[in-house]
Protein backbone atom coordinates (compact mmCIF):
# COMPACT_ATOMS: atom_id res chain seq x y z
CA MET A 1 -2.29 -27.80 -7.89
CA TYR A 2 -3.52 -24.73 -10.00
CA SER A 3 -6.75 -24.20 -7.25
CA SER A 4 -4.91 -21.71 -5.09
CA PHE A 5 -5.26 -19.64 -8.31
CA ARG A 6 -9.25 -19.55 -8.59
CA ASP A 7 -9.74 -17.62 -5.54
CA GLU A 8 -7.65 -14.63 -6.90
CA THR A 9 -8.37 -11.67 -7.99
CA PRO A 10 -6.96 -8.59 -9.91
CA VAL A 11 -6.30 -5.49 -7.93
CA GLU A 12 -4.56 -2.40 -9.48
CA LEU A 13 -2.02 -1.02 -6.93
CA ILE A 14 0.30 1.92 -7.47
CA LEU A 15 3.20 1.10 -5.79
CA TYR A 16 5.85 4.02 -5.13
CA THR A 17 9.93 3.97 -4.25
CA ASP A 18 12.19 7.01 -3.54
CA ALA A 19 12.48 6.90 -7.65
CA LEU A 20 9.87 4.92 -9.21
CA MET A 21 5.76 4.82 -9.39
CA THR A 22 4.80 1.22 -10.78
CA ARG A 23 1.37 0.77 -11.87
CA GLY A 24 -0.20 -2.58 -12.37
CA LEU A 25 -2.87 -5.16 -11.60
CA VAL A 26 -1.56 -8.11 -8.75
CA ARG A 27 -4.04 -11.14 -8.42
CA THR A 28 -4.81 -11.95 -4.56
CA SER A 29 -7.09 -13.36 -2.67
CA GLN A 30 -6.64 -10.26 0.10
CA HIS A 31 -9.09 -8.08 0.27
CA ARG A 32 -6.89 -5.23 1.84
CA VAL A 33 -3.65 -3.33 -0.12
CA THR A 34 -1.95 -4.14 3.61
CA ASP A 35 -3.17 -7.78 3.55
CA VAL A 36 -1.88 -7.88 0.08
CA LEU A 37 1.52 -6.24 1.15
CA ASN A 38 2.16 -7.80 4.62
CA HIS A 39 0.78 -11.34 3.78
CA ASN A 40 2.51 -11.91 0.59
CA ASP A 41 4.68 -14.89 1.11
CA GLU A 42 7.44 -14.00 -1.09
CA ALA A 43 9.89 -10.87 -1.41
CA PHE A 44 8.18 -9.50 -4.24
CA LEU A 45 4.91 -9.07 -6.04
CA ILE A 46 4.47 -9.68 -9.76
CA LEU A 47 2.31 -7.39 -11.48
CA GLU A 48 0.39 -7.55 -15.19
CA ASP A 49 -0.27 -4.47 -17.22
CA VAL A 50 2.23 -2.69 -15.99
CA THR A 51 3.57 0.99 -16.15
CA VAL A 52 6.45 2.38 -14.75
CA GLU A 53 7.20 5.97 -14.19
CA ASP A 54 10.28 8.02 -13.14
CA LEU A 55 9.24 10.35 -10.30
CA GLY A 56 10.51 13.84 -10.47
CA ASN A 57 11.44 15.91 -13.41
CA ARG A 58 12.65 12.73 -15.67
CA GLY A 59 9.47 11.50 -16.70
CA GLU A 60 9.87 8.39 -18.30
CA THR A 61 7.02 5.90 -19.17
CA THR A 62 7.70 2.39 -19.64
CA ARG A 63 5.14 -0.11 -20.28
CA VAL A 64 5.57 -4.29 -20.02
CA ASP A 65 3.23 -6.90 -19.75
CA TYR A 66 4.67 -8.27 -16.53
CA ALA A 67 7.42 -7.02 -13.65
CA GLN A 68 8.33 -8.17 -10.35
CA VAL A 69 8.50 -5.62 -7.53
CA ASN A 70 10.94 -6.19 -4.55
CA LEU A 71 8.93 -5.26 -1.31
CA ASP A 72 11.42 -3.89 0.29
CA ALA A 73 12.13 -0.85 -2.26
CA VAL A 74 8.42 -0.03 -1.88
CA LEU A 75 7.87 3.19 0.27
CA PHE A 76 3.99 3.23 0.15
CA ALA A 77 1.41 1.44 -1.81
CA VAL A 78 -2.07 3.16 -3.17
CA SER A 79 -5.34 1.67 -4.32
CA ASN A 80 -8.11 3.28 -6.17
CA ALA A 81 -10.85 0.38 -5.50
CA ASP A 82 -13.22 0.41 -2.96
CA VAL A 83 -12.49 -2.52 -0.18
CA PRO A 84 -16.30 -3.77 1.02
CA SER A 85 -16.76 -4.01 4.55
CA MET A 86 -16.52 -7.28 6.06
CA PRO A 87 -18.35 -7.16 9.22
CA GLU A 88 -17.15 -10.62 10.67
CA LEU A 89 -13.50 -9.40 10.66
CA ARG A 90 -14.30 -5.95 12.11
CA THR A 91 -12.27 -4.44 15.05
CA PRO A 92 -13.73 -1.43 16.80
CA LYS A 93 -10.80 1.08 16.00
CA GLU A 94 -10.26 5.03 17.08
CA ALA A 95 -9.62 7.26 13.82
CA THR A 96 -6.20 9.40 14.17
CA GLU A 97 -5.13 11.93 12.22
CA ALA A 98 -1.57 10.92 11.39
CA VAL A 99 1.58 12.50 9.85
CA ILE A 100 4.04 9.83 8.36
CA SER A 101 7.40 10.49 7.19
CA VAL A 102 8.83 7.84 3.98
CA PRO A 103 11.65 10.24 2.77
CA PRO A 104 11.31 11.58 0.18
CA PHE A 105 7.53 11.37 0.75
CA LYS A 106 5.26 12.80 3.24
CA ILE A 107 1.80 11.35 4.24
CA VAL A 108 -1.01 12.66 5.77
CA GLY A 109 -4.37 10.62 6.66
CA THR A 110 -6.24 8.73 9.01
CA ILE A 111 -4.76 5.98 10.81
CA HIS A 112 -6.95 3.44 13.01
CA LEU A 113 -5.75 2.20 16.55
CA LEU A 114 -7.26 -0.11 18.73
CA PRO A 115 -9.26 1.86 21.72
CA THR A 116 -6.55 3.38 23.72
CA GLN A 117 -8.23 5.49 26.64
CA GLY A 118 -6.06 8.44 25.70
CA ASN A 119 -2.55 6.84 25.31
CA LEU A 120 -1.77 7.23 21.64
CA ARG A 121 1.90 5.74 22.67
CA HIS A 122 0.30 2.52 23.56
CA GLY A 123 -1.88 2.47 20.36
CA LEU A 124 0.78 3.20 17.81
CA THR A 125 2.79 0.39 19.82
CA GLU A 126 -0.05 -2.13 18.64
CA LEU A 127 0.42 -1.75 14.71
CA THR A 128 2.22 -4.55 12.96
CA GLY A 129 3.41 -5.30 9.53
CA ARG A 130 5.49 -3.21 7.35
CA PHE A 131 2.99 -1.87 5.92
CA LEU A 132 0.08 0.59 7.66
CA PRO A 133 -3.32 1.34 6.48
CA VAL A 134 -4.04 4.85 6.24
CA THR A 135 -7.21 5.95 4.61
CA GLY A 136 -8.16 9.44 3.37
CA ALA A 137 -4.14 10.03 2.40
CA THR A 138 -2.52 12.90 0.70
CA PHE A 139 0.95 12.77 -0.27
CA TRP A 140 3.68 14.59 -1.79
CA SER A 141 7.61 15.36 -2.54
CA ASP A 142 8.94 18.09 -2.21
CA PRO A 143 12.55 17.02 -3.44
CA LEU A 144 10.48 15.37 -6.50
CA GLY A 145 7.96 17.68 -7.07
CA GLU A 146 5.81 14.98 -7.10
């Protein structure tokens, strides 16, 4: 009954909504952040050892042992963990700089698209999943001062 929990490891995530930054550990068997978010069977994530901060000038911080975060409210997620390369899952892709608008945030980084022979529009249509991987990203929100 509990065998599915054996292969799960804790991964630190920072989840951003339009008003909150929630930092905690999620137990998962997935290796990539986008897989944790896109391949979750539930509409939420359970985080452990959680810190929740208001974004902007309010700056209130709350600490709790566990939190349930609704994935529909999550704009994007950040992880500082190194993801080990898995050659057997690697598909050749082209690195492309992208500017992504997720109000009230802007994200600048690199997205990796299937080879498109110069047809960037086609490469973008091949991206699937609600959450997309962006590497080397910086993000900010002028309205929130973050």
